[in-house]
């Protein structure tokens, strides 16, 4: 059953009915309905009711008219409003009393069909009475007097979409913090409900706080696009009267001419360069703080906003942290007057490798650290024994399948006392085996006692450092051959010192042999990170 209800509205003294009163009463009406009914009406494409407010000049009354298409809704509205209740209007700050609510007309689909579709002579016309003010839009300008074409066009192009209100408890709308949770939660909900859709976020309307949070979401959230909507005149509408009580929101929606054929699209997707960049900047800084230069480099290569100087530094750091030293040199050899590679040859290789061990320690990757220690100590002792021992270890070895083997036959011919010392270390005597950190450390121990060193003071200092980390070999073997979780506690238990102390020990060993410039190199990657951070302060 289709019904038409009318009621008189009693306003407080001094208040007058306005065009926006219909929208205000619509919101108040929805608040009084059961939550499930209100939610259903919000999602219905065909609204099963309509309502309007008009001022009857002759009688001086404000009349509220409601039309319903279903029996259920008609009965519900009648039950809500027929008792002469007051309705508080939050937007207005006062209450209106609903008086003399009654059904003034009713019909059904069959009666309409009998009257308009079944008679032998079809009606030749229809009379439309406009009880409230109406506005249409043509060529970017409002048309106040209705025309037939505009009326039909408005009916045909009425928006076919769901309008859903979001109610929150936000009162301090000037504070960003309130919107920083509500808006992301609602956008995420929409993404989950419409997983294949692109979500357009209007960046032209709302408070500055709302627009800022939405712009951040548009720049950083997948499937979300920020749009700006220009005014019909294509310039700022700051001086125009804001749409509040002076306009009827429903009328604005119903008279939208942007979908007309040939109408210019007023929606634009702004680049949001600042928001995109500072989101990228935050990710890059977070990654380089963990020395994840390869991941940070992927962001810079996809971005046109990262400054070239920052990209250059990141490329250098990425190659360098992969121990591609020559490629890193080709990108940068010095920066800000500081030479980035003060060493050369084997010394440079050792220092660069040590810097990666230091990164493993700082980031807690102790399994990686353990796997690097023995190769580092082996290369260090190879260089050290060549520099400070008088034992010709190189001539005591022979290559086998690309690996140096310390050969018993050569030891017997050239270094009988060294062979005797090695025989004492192995239960069945020394047999040929690949040259290793362990063998080199035994040679160093023998050389110290046999006075086979060039600089005794240096040798004593180096051996003291080696003795302090003697247990590292066993832990490294466990890490290499078993699935062992090398925690800081396990490290300390096996080595007798923490991982930071062990890395400091390696640094002292390098500094003893190659000088204090090694200590200055410990800040290499921290310096790179600081320089990258400085160059990222402003986007390209």
Protein backbone atom coordinates (compact mmCIF):
# COMPACT_ATOMS: atom_id res chain seq x y z
CA UNK A 1 0.00 0.00 0.00
CA UNK A 2 1.30 3.45 -0.98
CA UNK A 3 0.52 6.09 1.66
CA UNK A 4 0.94 9.82 2.06
CA UNK A 5 1.30 11.16 5.60
CA UNK A 6 1.26 14.76 6.74
CA UNK A 7 2.04 16.42 10.05
CA UNK A 8 2.43 19.96 11.33
CA UNK A 9 5.76 20.91 12.84
CA UNK A 10 5.77 23.21 15.85
CA UNK A 11 9.11 25.06 15.97
CA UNK A 12 10.51 26.99 18.97
CA UNK A 13 9.62 30.68 19.10
CA UNK A 14 11.70 32.71 16.67
CA UNK A 15 12.70 29.74 14.49
CA UNK A 16 11.62 29.45 10.86
CA UNK A 17 11.49 26.46 8.56
CA UNK A 18 14.27 26.31 5.93
CA UNK A 19 14.95 24.30 2.80
CA UNK A 20 17.50 22.15 4.62
CA UNK A 21 14.92 21.07 7.20
CA UNK A 22 14.02 18.05 5.04
CA UNK A 23 17.57 16.68 5.18
CA UNK A 24 17.81 17.39 8.91
CA UNK A 25 14.51 15.62 9.64
CA UNK A 26 15.56 12.71 7.44
CA UNK A 27 18.64 12.19 9.64
CA UNK A 28 16.58 12.49 12.83
CA UNK A 29 14.04 10.01 11.47
CA UNK A 30 16.77 7.45 10.70
CA UNK A 31 18.10 7.78 14.26
CA UNK A 32 14.69 6.83 15.67
CA UNK A 33 14.33 3.70 13.56
CA UNK A 34 15.61 0.32 14.79
CA UNK A 35 19.26 -0.12 13.85
CA UNK A 36 18.63 -3.03 11.47
CA UNK A 37 15.90 -1.11 9.64
CA UNK A 38 18.06 2.01 9.31
CA UNK A 39 20.94 -0.09 7.97
CA UNK A 40 18.63 -1.76 5.45
CA UNK A 41 17.32 1.61 4.23
CA UNK A 42 20.88 2.93 3.85
CA UNK A 43 21.76 0.07 1.52
CA UNK A 44 18.57 0.00 -0.54
CA UNK A 45 19.09 1.33 -4.07
CA UNK A 46 15.39 2.11 -4.44
CA UNK A 47 14.42 4.15 -1.40
CA UNK A 48 10.98 2.94 -0.20
CA UNK A 49 9.99 6.37 1.13
CA UNK A 50 10.39 10.08 0.48
CA UNK A 51 9.81 13.14 2.64
CA UNK A 52 9.86 16.91 2.36
CA UNK A 53 9.11 20.01 4.40
CA UNK A 54 7.25 23.06 3.11
CA UNK A 55 5.91 26.27 4.54
CA UNK A 56 2.20 26.95 3.90
CA UNK A 57 2.03 30.69 3.62
CA UNK A 58 -1.78 30.94 3.86
CA UNK A 59 -2.01 29.19 7.21
CA UNK A 60 1.51 29.98 8.42
CA UNK A 61 2.16 26.32 9.11
CA UNK A 62 5.26 24.17 8.54
CA UNK A 63 4.07 20.88 7.02
CA UNK A 64 6.05 17.66 6.95
CA UNK A 65 4.99 15.23 4.22
CA UNK A 66 6.14 11.58 4.13
CA UNK A 67 5.37 9.05 1.38
CA UNK A 68 5.88 5.30 1.89
CA UNK A 69 5.85 2.47 -0.68
CA UNK A 70 5.42 -0.47 1.72
CA UNK A 71 2.92 -1.38 4.43
CA UNK A 72 5.71 -2.19 6.91
CA UNK A 73 7.40 1.19 6.59
CA UNK A 74 4.08 3.07 6.65
CA UNK A 75 3.05 1.33 9.87
CA UNK A 76 6.48 1.93 11.43
CA UNK A 77 6.47 5.68 10.67
CA UNK A 78 2.88 5.97 11.94
CA UNK A 79 3.84 4.28 15.21
CA UNK A 80 6.88 6.54 15.64
CA UNK A 81 5.19 9.87 14.89
CA UNK A 82 1.48 9.64 15.60
CA UNK A 83 1.79 10.28 19.35
CA UNK A 84 2.74 13.92 18.98
CA UNK A 85 6.35 13.37 19.97
CA UNK A 86 9.22 15.81 19.98
CA UNK A 87 12.21 15.25 17.71
CA UNK A 88 15.51 16.77 18.71
CA UNK A 89 17.49 18.14 15.75
CA UNK A 90 21.19 17.94 16.60
CA UNK A 91 22.24 20.14 13.68
CA UNK A 92 19.84 22.86 14.80
CA UNK A 93 20.27 22.49 18.52
CA UNK A 94 16.55 22.45 19.31
CA UNK A 95 13.51 20.14 19.24
CA UNK A 96 10.40 20.31 17.05
CA UNK A 97 7.03 18.86 18.01
CA UNK A 98 5.20 16.64 15.49
CA UNK A 99 1.47 17.52 15.62
CA UNK A 100 -1.58 15.98 13.97
CA UNK A 101 0.31 13.22 12.16
CA UNK A 102 -2.16 11.42 9.87
CA UNK A 103 -2.51 9.54 6.60
CA UNK A 104 -4.05 11.90 4.02
CA UNK A 105 -4.04 9.58 0.98
CA UNK A 106 -3.43 5.96 0.10
CA UNK A 107 -3.57 3.68 -2.92
CA UNK A 108 -2.00 0.50 -4.23
CA UNK A 109 -0.33 -0.76 -7.42
CA UNK A 110 -3.53 -2.29 -8.72
CA UNK A 111 -5.45 0.99 -8.39
CA UNK A 112 -2.64 2.85 -10.17
CA UNK A 113 -2.65 0.29 -12.99
CA UNK A 114 -6.43 0.53 -13.31
CA UNK A 115 -6.30 4.31 -13.46
CA UNK A 116 -3.32 4.90 -15.75
CA UNK A 117 -2.50 1.75 -17.74
CA UNK A 118 -5.70 -0.24 -18.29
CA UNK A 119 -8.21 2.37 -19.55
CA UNK A 120 -8.91 2.33 -23.30
CA UNK A 121 -7.97 6.00 -23.57
CA UNK A 122 -4.51 6.74 -22.21
CA UNK A 123 -4.07 9.95 -20.20
CA UNK A 124 -2.92 12.83 -22.39
CA UNK A 125 -0.96 14.61 -19.75
CA UNK A 126 -0.04 14.91 -16.11
CA UNK A 127 -0.02 17.80 -13.71
CA UNK A 128 2.99 18.19 -11.40
CA UNK A 129 2.75 20.54 -8.44
CA UNK A 130 6.05 21.70 -6.92
CA UNK A 131 5.50 22.08 -3.20
CA UNK A 132 9.16 22.83 -2.38
CA UNK A 133 11.79 24.86 -4.17
CA UNK A 134 13.68 23.06 -6.93
CA UNK A 135 17.04 23.70 -8.56
CA UNK A 136 18.54 22.16 -11.70
CA UNK A 137 21.91 22.64 -13.36
CA UNK A 138 22.63 23.39 -17.02
CA UNK A 139 25.90 24.52 -18.59
CA UNK A 140 27.43 24.95 -15.16
CA UNK A 141 24.69 27.29 -13.91
CA UNK A 142 21.65 26.78 -11.72
CA UNK A 143 18.18 26.89 -13.31
CA UNK A 144 15.55 27.73 -10.71
CA UNK A 145 12.46 27.29 -12.91
CA UNK A 146 11.84 23.64 -13.83
CA UNK A 147 11.83 22.57 -17.46
CA UNK A 148 10.47 19.31 -18.82
CA UNK A 149 13.85 18.10 -20.13
CA UNK A 150 15.57 18.89 -16.86
CA UNK A 151 12.92 17.08 -14.81
CA UNK A 152 13.13 13.91 -16.96
CA UNK A 153 16.92 14.06 -17.04
CA UNK A 154 17.04 14.34 -13.26
CA UNK A 155 14.80 11.30 -12.86
CA UNK A 156 16.86 9.22 -15.31
CA UNK A 157 20.28 10.17 -13.94
CA UNK A 158 19.55 9.98 -10.23
CA UNK A 159 22.62 8.45 -8.58
CA UNK A 160 22.45 4.67 -8.46
CA UNK A 161 24.65 4.24 -5.43
CA UNK A 162 24.51 3.49 -1.76
CA UNK A 163 24.98 6.47 0.54
CA UNK A 164 26.22 5.28 3.89
CA UNK A 165 26.74 7.53 6.87
CA UNK A 166 29.53 6.90 9.35
CA UNK A 167 28.67 7.94 12.89
CA UNK A 168 31.52 8.51 15.33
CA UNK A 169 31.99 9.98 18.79
CA UNK A 170 34.44 12.57 17.50
CA UNK A 171 33.80 15.96 19.07
CA UNK A 172 37.20 17.67 18.77
CA UNK A 173 37.24 17.67 14.97
CA UNK A 174 40.32 19.91 14.92
CA UNK A 175 42.57 17.14 16.31
CA UNK A 176 44.28 14.84 13.82
CA UNK A 177 44.54 11.98 16.30
CA UNK A 178 40.80 11.29 16.27
CA UNK A 179 40.68 10.82 12.50
CA UNK A 180 43.95 8.83 12.35
CA UNK A 181 42.09 5.76 13.64
CA UNK A 182 38.51 6.16 12.43
CA UNK A 183 39.24 6.88 8.77
CA UNK A 184 41.82 4.09 8.23
CA UNK A 185 39.47 1.61 9.93
CA UNK A 186 36.55 2.59 7.67
CA UNK A 187 38.67 2.51 4.51
CA UNK A 188 40.03 -0.90 5.49
CA UNK A 189 36.47 -2.13 6.07
CA UNK A 190 35.47 -0.98 2.59
CA UNK A 191 38.51 -2.71 1.10
CA UNK A 192 37.52 -5.98 2.76
CA UNK A 193 33.89 -5.67 1.63
CA UNK A 194 34.81 -4.67 -1.94
CA UNK A 195 38.09 -6.44 -2.61
CA UNK A 196 38.07 -5.96 -6.38
CA UNK A 197 37.13 -2.27 -6.27
CA UNK A 198 39.20 0.87 -6.38
CA UNK A 199 38.28 3.22 -3.55
CA UNK A 200 38.18 6.92 -4.37
CA UNK A 201 38.97 9.21 -1.46
CA UNK A 202 37.65 12.76 -1.82
CA UNK A 203 40.46 15.14 -0.88
CA UNK A 204 38.47 18.29 -1.63
CA UNK A 205 35.88 18.17 1.14
CA UNK A 206 36.01 17.97 4.90
CA UNK A 207 38.08 19.54 7.61
CA UNK A 208 41.83 20.00 7.01
CA UNK A 209 42.42 17.16 9.46
CA UNK A 210 40.14 14.80 7.53
CA UNK A 211 41.66 15.72 4.17
CA UNK A 212 45.21 15.27 5.46
CA UNK A 213 44.52 11.78 6.84
CA UNK A 214 42.70 10.76 3.64
CA UNK A 215 45.62 12.02 1.54
CA UNK A 216 47.99 9.91 3.61
CA UNK A 217 45.77 6.86 3.06
CA UNK A 218 45.56 7.56 -0.68
CA UNK A 219 49.34 7.75 -0.92
CA UNK A 220 50.04 4.64 1.12
CA UNK A 221 47.11 2.21 0.97
CA UNK A 222 46.66 -0.27 -1.86
CA UNK A 223 43.62 0.16 -4.16
CA UNK A 224 42.92 3.66 -2.76
CA UNK A 225 43.06 6.69 -5.04
CA UNK A 226 42.83 10.27 -3.89
CA UNK A 227 40.74 12.58 -6.07
CA UNK A 228 40.28 16.32 -6.11
CA UNK A 229 37.09 17.82 -7.49
CA UNK A 230 37.30 21.22 -9.09
CA UNK A 231 34.40 23.64 -8.84
CA UNK A 232 32.27 24.06 -12.00
CA UNK A 233 33.98 27.40 -12.60
CA UNK A 234 37.39 25.67 -12.38
CA UNK A 235 38.70 27.88 -9.63
CA UNK A 236 38.56 28.09 -5.87
CA UNK A 237 35.09 28.16 -4.32
CA UNK A 238 36.39 29.67 -1.09
CA UNK A 239 34.19 32.72 -1.48
CA UNK A 240 31.06 30.71 -2.28
CA UNK A 241 28.49 30.05 0.38
CA UNK A 242 29.07 26.68 2.02
CA UNK A 243 26.43 23.98 1.58
CA UNK A 244 24.82 23.88 5.00
CA UNK A 245 21.29 24.93 5.79
CA UNK A 246 20.95 26.96 2.57
CA UNK A 247 20.96 23.97 0.24
CA UNK A 248 19.12 20.71 0.21
CA UNK A 249 21.66 17.90 -0.07
CA UNK A 250 19.15 15.57 -1.70
CA UNK A 251 18.42 18.17 -4.37
CA UNK A 252 22.11 18.55 -5.14
CA UNK A 253 22.48 14.81 -5.63
CA UNK A 254 19.37 14.50 -7.77
CA UNK A 255 20.42 17.36 -10.03
CA UNK A 256 23.95 16.24 -10.77
CA UNK A 257 24.80 17.02 -14.41
CA UNK A 258 28.37 15.80 -14.36
CA UNK A 259 27.21 12.54 -15.98
CA UNK A 260 25.75 14.30 -19.00
CA UNK A 261 27.17 13.27 -22.34
CA UNK A 262 30.12 15.51 -23.13
CA UNK A 263 30.42 16.83 -19.58
CA UNK A 264 34.02 17.42 -18.58
CA UNK A 265 35.27 15.22 -15.75
CA UNK A 266 35.99 17.47 -12.79
CA UNK A 267 37.70 14.70 -10.81
CA UNK A 268 41.47 14.67 -10.91
CA UNK A 269 43.97 12.40 -9.22
CA UNK A 270 46.56 14.66 -7.62
CA UNK A 271 50.12 13.31 -7.57
CA UNK A 272 50.33 13.72 -3.77
CA UNK A 273 54.10 14.00 -4.22
CA UNK A 274 54.83 15.10 -0.67
CA UNK A 275 52.77 12.29 0.89
CA UNK A 276 54.17 9.64 -1.46
CA UNK A 277 57.70 10.83 -0.90
CA UNK A 278 57.63 10.99 2.86
CA UNK A 279 56.07 7.52 2.98
CA UNK A 280 58.93 6.31 0.78
CA UNK A 281 61.42 8.25 2.89
CA UNK A 282 60.14 6.58 6.05
CA UNK A 283 60.52 3.12 4.51
CA UNK A 284 64.01 3.84 3.21
CA UNK A 285 65.21 5.19 6.55
CA UNK A 286 63.74 2.19 8.36
CA UNK A 287 65.47 -0.21 5.97
CA UNK A 288 68.89 1.41 6.06
CA UNK A 289 68.69 1.54 9.85
CA UNK A 290 68.84 -2.27 9.59
CA UNK A 291 71.41 -2.01 6.75
CA UNK A 292 68.89 -3.46 4.26
CA UNK A 293 70.32 -1.51 1.35
CA UNK A 294 69.07 -3.83 -1.41
CA UNK A 295 65.44 -3.42 -0.29
CA UNK A 296 65.89 0.35 0.07
CA UNK A 297 67.44 0.44 -3.39
CA UNK A 298 64.32 -1.16 -4.90
CA UNK A 299 62.22 1.71 -3.54
CA UNK A 300 64.58 4.35 -4.94
CA UNK A 301 64.66 2.74 -8.39
CA UNK A 302 60.84 2.82 -8.58
CA UNK A 303 60.57 6.40 -7.38
CA UNK A 304 61.06 9.62 -9.31
CA UNK A 305 61.01 11.59 -6.06
CA UNK A 306 64.16 10.30 -4.37
CA UNK A 307 66.98 12.85 -4.89
CA UNK A 308 69.77 11.64 -7.22
CA UNK A 309 72.38 12.14 -4.50
CA UNK A 310 70.49 9.82 -2.15
CA UNK A 311 70.16 7.24 -4.95
CA UNK A 312 73.91 7.46 -5.56
CA UNK A 313 74.73 6.88 -1.89
CA UNK A 314 72.25 3.99 -1.65
CA UNK A 315 73.69 2.33 -4.78
CA UNK A 316 77.17 2.63 -3.29
CA UNK A 317 76.02 1.18 0.06
CA UNK A 318 74.14 -1.65 -1.66
CA UNK A 319 77.18 -2.75 -3.72
CA UNK A 320 79.53 -2.31 -0.80
CA UNK A 321 77.41 -4.36 1.60
CA UNK A 322 77.41 -7.16 -1.01
CA UNK A 323 81.25 -7.01 -0.94
CA UNK A 324 81.27 -5.80 -4.55
CA UNK A 325 84.00 -3.38 -3.62
CA UNK A 326 85.16 -2.44 -7.12
CA UNK A 327 81.59 -1.66 -8.20
CA UNK A 328 81.11 0.45 -5.05
CA UNK A 329 84.32 2.33 -5.86
CA UNK A 330 83.09 3.00 -9.38
CA UNK A 331 80.06 4.75 -7.89
CA UNK A 332 81.79 6.69 -5.10
CA UNK A 333 85.38 6.84 -3.89
CA UNK A 334 84.94 9.78 -1.55
CA UNK A 335 82.09 11.88 -0.18
CA UNK A 336 82.10 15.22 1.59
CA UNK A 337 85.88 15.34 1.47
CA UNK A 338 86.24 11.91 3.15
CA UNK A 339 88.00 9.05 1.39
CA UNK A 340 85.78 6.00 1.54
CA UNK A 341 88.52 3.44 0.80
CA UNK A 342 91.72 4.32 2.68
CA UNK A 343 93.18 0.82 2.30
CA UNK A 344 94.10 -1.28 -0.74
CA UNK A 345 94.64 -4.90 -1.71
CA UNK A 346 94.23 -7.68 0.85
CA UNK A 347 94.00 -5.19 3.71
CA UNK A 348 91.00 -3.56 2.07
CA UNK A 349 89.32 -6.96 1.62
CA UNK A 350 89.83 -7.80 5.29
CA UNK A 351 88.48 -4.44 6.50
CA UNK A 352 85.42 -4.61 4.22
CA UNK A 353 84.69 -8.15 5.41
CA UNK A 354 85.09 -7.07 9.02
CA UNK A 355 82.55 -4.26 8.48
CA UNK A 356 79.97 -6.84 7.38
CA UNK A 357 80.68 -8.88 10.53
CA UNK A 358 80.09 -5.73 12.56
CA UNK A 359 76.71 -5.26 10.81
CA UNK A 360 75.78 -8.89 11.60
CA UNK A 361 76.54 -8.25 15.26
CA UNK A 362 74.60 -4.97 15.42
CA UNK A 363 71.52 -6.49 13.76
CA UNK A 364 71.58 -9.66 15.87
CA UNK A 365 72.33 -12.00 12.97
CA UNK A 366 74.74 -14.03 15.09
CA UNK A 367 74.53 -17.18 12.94
CA UNK A 368 75.80 -15.11 10.00
CA UNK A 369 78.46 -13.63 12.22
CA UNK A 370 79.71 -17.07 13.25
CA UNK A 371 79.86 -18.26 9.66
CA UNK A 372 82.01 -15.23 8.76
CA UNK A 373 84.45 -15.46 11.70
CA UNK A 374 86.64 -18.40 10.64
CA UNK A 375 87.11 -17.19 7.02
CA UNK A 376 88.02 -13.76 8.41
CA UNK A 377 90.50 -15.17 10.95
CA UNK A 378 92.03 -17.47 8.31
CA UNK A 379 92.64 -14.61 5.87
CA UNK A 380 93.88 -12.37 8.67
CA UNK A 381 96.43 -14.94 9.89
CA UNK A 382 97.58 -15.70 6.33
CA UNK A 383 98.43 -12.03 5.89
CA UNK A 384 99.85 -11.71 9.40
CA UNK A 385 102.13 -14.77 9.13
CA UNK A 386 103.50 -13.50 5.82
CA UNK A 387 104.17 -10.09 7.37
CA UNK A 388 105.56 -10.98 10.82
CA UNK A 389 106.67 -14.66 10.90
CA UNK A 390 110.00 -15.85 9.51
CA UNK A 391 108.54 -19.29 8.80
CA UNK A 392 108.07 -19.69 5.00
CA UNK A 393 104.54 -21.09 5.27
CA UNK A 394 103.82 -20.44 1.61
CA UNK A 395 106.66 -22.73 0.52
CA UNK A 396 105.49 -25.42 2.93
CA UNK A 397 102.18 -25.67 1.04
CA UNK A 398 101.18 -27.05 -2.31
CA UNK A 399 97.94 -26.41 -4.27
CA UNK A 400 95.49 -29.28 -4.62
CA UNK A 401 92.26 -28.60 -6.57
CA UNK A 402 92.62 -24.88 -5.93
CA UNK A 403 93.19 -25.28 -2.16
CA UNK A 404 96.50 -24.80 -0.28
CA UNK A 405 97.56 -27.89 1.68
CA UNK A 406 100.21 -27.84 4.39
CA UNK A 407 102.36 -30.85 3.38
CA UNK A 408 104.18 -33.09 5.89
CA UNK A 409 106.94 -33.96 3.43
CA UNK A 410 107.83 -30.28 2.97
CA UNK A 411 107.67 -29.65 6.71
CA UNK A 412 110.08 -32.58 7.28
CA UNK A 413 112.48 -31.14 4.73
CA UNK A 414 112.35 -27.46 5.75
CA UNK A 415 110.83 -27.06 9.25
CA UNK A 416 111.47 -30.18 11.38
CA UNK A 417 110.85 -28.42 14.70
CA UNK A 418 107.54 -27.01 13.47
CA UNK A 419 106.55 -30.51 12.32
CA UNK A 420 107.42 -31.89 15.76
CA UNK A 421 105.20 -29.22 17.37
CA UNK A 422 102.33 -30.14 15.04
CA UNK A 423 102.81 -33.87 15.73
CA UNK A 424 102.28 -33.14 19.43
CA UNK A 425 98.91 -31.46 18.67
CA UNK A 426 97.47 -34.42 16.73
CA UNK A 427 96.95 -37.82 18.40
CA UNK A 428 98.30 -39.78 15.42
CA UNK A 429 100.79 -37.19 14.29
CA UNK A 430 100.35 -34.54 11.64
CA UNK A 431 99.01 -35.57 8.25
CA UNK A 432 98.56 -33.45 5.13
CA UNK A 433 95.49 -31.21 5.39
CA UNK A 434 94.20 -27.92 3.96
CA UNK A 435 95.74 -24.82 5.47
CA UNK A 436 93.27 -23.42 8.00
CA UNK A 437 92.84 -20.87 10.77
CA UNK A 438 93.58 -23.63 13.29
CA UNK A 439 96.86 -24.65 11.59
CA UNK A 440 97.94 -21.03 11.23
CA UNK A 441 97.21 -20.37 14.91
CA UNK A 442 99.40 -23.40 15.82
CA UNK A 443 102.17 -22.03 13.62
CA UNK A 444 101.86 -18.66 15.36
CA UNK A 445 102.08 -20.32 18.80
CA UNK A 446 105.24 -22.22 17.73
CA UNK A 447 106.78 -19.09 16.17
CA UNK A 448 106.41 -17.13 19.39
CA UNK A 449 108.21 -19.77 21.46
CA UNK A 450 110.92 -20.35 18.82
CA UNK A 451 111.65 -16.63 18.34
CA UNK A 452 110.60 -16.92 14.68
CA UNK A 453 108.92 -13.49 14.53
CA UNK A 454 110.08 -10.11 13.22
CA UNK A 455 108.21 -7.91 15.75
CA UNK A 456 107.98 -9.73 19.10
CA UNK A 457 105.88 -7.01 20.75
CA UNK A 458 103.33 -7.10 17.93
CA UNK A 459 103.26 -10.90 18.05
CA UNK A 460 102.64 -10.95 21.79
CA UNK A 461 99.68 -8.54 21.39
CA UNK A 462 98.19 -10.50 18.49
CA UNK A 463 98.52 -13.83 20.31
CA UNK A 464 96.82 -12.38 23.40
CA UNK A 465 93.82 -11.42 21.28
CA UNK A 466 93.78 -14.86 19.60
CA UNK A 467 93.91 -16.59 22.96
CA UNK A 468 90.87 -14.61 24.17
CA UNK A 469 88.76 -16.01 21.30
CA UNK A 470 90.21 -19.53 21.19
CA UNK A 471 86.79 -21.18 21.68
CA UNK A 472 85.22 -19.53 18.59
CA UNK A 473 86.37 -22.41 16.38
CA UNK A 474 84.15 -24.92 18.16
CA UNK A 475 81.06 -22.72 18.02
CA UNK A 476 81.64 -22.04 14.35
CA UNK A 477 81.76 -25.76 13.61
CA UNK A 478 78.44 -26.23 15.39
CA UNK A 479 76.87 -23.41 13.39
CA UNK A 480 78.22 -24.85 10.16
CA UNK A 481 77.31 -28.51 10.65
CA UNK A 482 74.24 -28.46 12.89
CA UNK A 483 71.02 -26.50 13.07
CA UNK A 484 72.07 -24.36 16.00
CA UNK A 485 70.35 -21.16 17.08
CA UNK A 486 73.28 -18.90 17.90
CA UNK A 487 71.79 -16.63 20.54
CA UNK A 488 73.69 -14.01 22.49
CA UNK A 489 73.52 -16.24 25.59
CA UNK A 490 74.91 -19.25 23.66
CA UNK A 491 77.58 -17.05 22.11
CA UNK A 492 78.71 -15.85 25.53
CA UNK A 493 78.61 -19.38 26.95
CA UNK A 494 80.81 -20.84 24.20
CA UNK A 495 83.22 -17.95 23.59
CA UNK A 496 83.43 -16.50 27.05
CA UNK A 497 82.53 -13.02 25.83
CA UNK A 498 79.61 -11.28 24.17
CA UNK A 499 79.34 -10.80 20.41
CA UNK A 500 80.09 -7.09 20.68
CA UNK A 501 83.25 -7.82 22.67
CA UNK A 502 84.32 -10.39 20.06
CA UNK A 503 83.88 -7.91 17.20
CA UNK A 504 85.86 -5.34 19.19
CA UNK A 505 88.60 -7.96 19.58
CA UNK A 506 88.74 -8.43 15.78
CA UNK A 507 88.99 -4.68 15.37
CA UNK A 508 91.93 -4.52 17.78
CA UNK A 509 93.69 -7.30 15.87
CA UNK A 510 93.29 -5.39 12.61
CA UNK A 511 94.42 -2.16 14.23
CA UNK A 512 97.55 -3.86 15.65
CA UNK A 513 98.62 -4.93 12.18
CA UNK A 514 97.25 -2.17 9.94
CA UNK A 515 97.08 0.89 12.19
CA UNK A 516 94.44 3.04 13.87
CA UNK A 517 92.78 3.95 10.57
CA UNK A 518 90.89 0.68 11.02
CA UNK A 519 89.11 2.08 14.09
CA UNK A 520 87.94 5.10 12.11
CA UNK A 521 86.48 2.74 9.48
CA UNK A 522 84.05 1.24 12.02
CA UNK A 523 81.66 4.16 11.44
CA UNK A 524 81.59 3.68 7.64
CA UNK A 525 78.02 2.42 7.33
CA UNK A 526 76.69 4.68 10.07
CA UNK A 527 78.21 7.62 8.15
CA UNK A 528 76.56 6.40 4.94
CA UNK A 529 73.20 6.17 6.70
CA UNK A 530 73.57 9.70 8.09
CA UNK A 531 74.46 11.09 4.66
CA UNK A 532 71.51 9.27 3.03
CA UNK A 533 69.18 10.66 5.71
CA UNK A 534 70.42 14.21 5.06
CA UNK A 535 69.92 13.92 1.29
CA UNK A 536 66.40 12.54 1.79
CA UNK A 537 65.17 15.54 3.76
CA UNK A 538 63.62 17.15 0.65
CA UNK A 539 62.32 15.23 -2.36
CA UNK A 540 63.53 15.74 -5.91
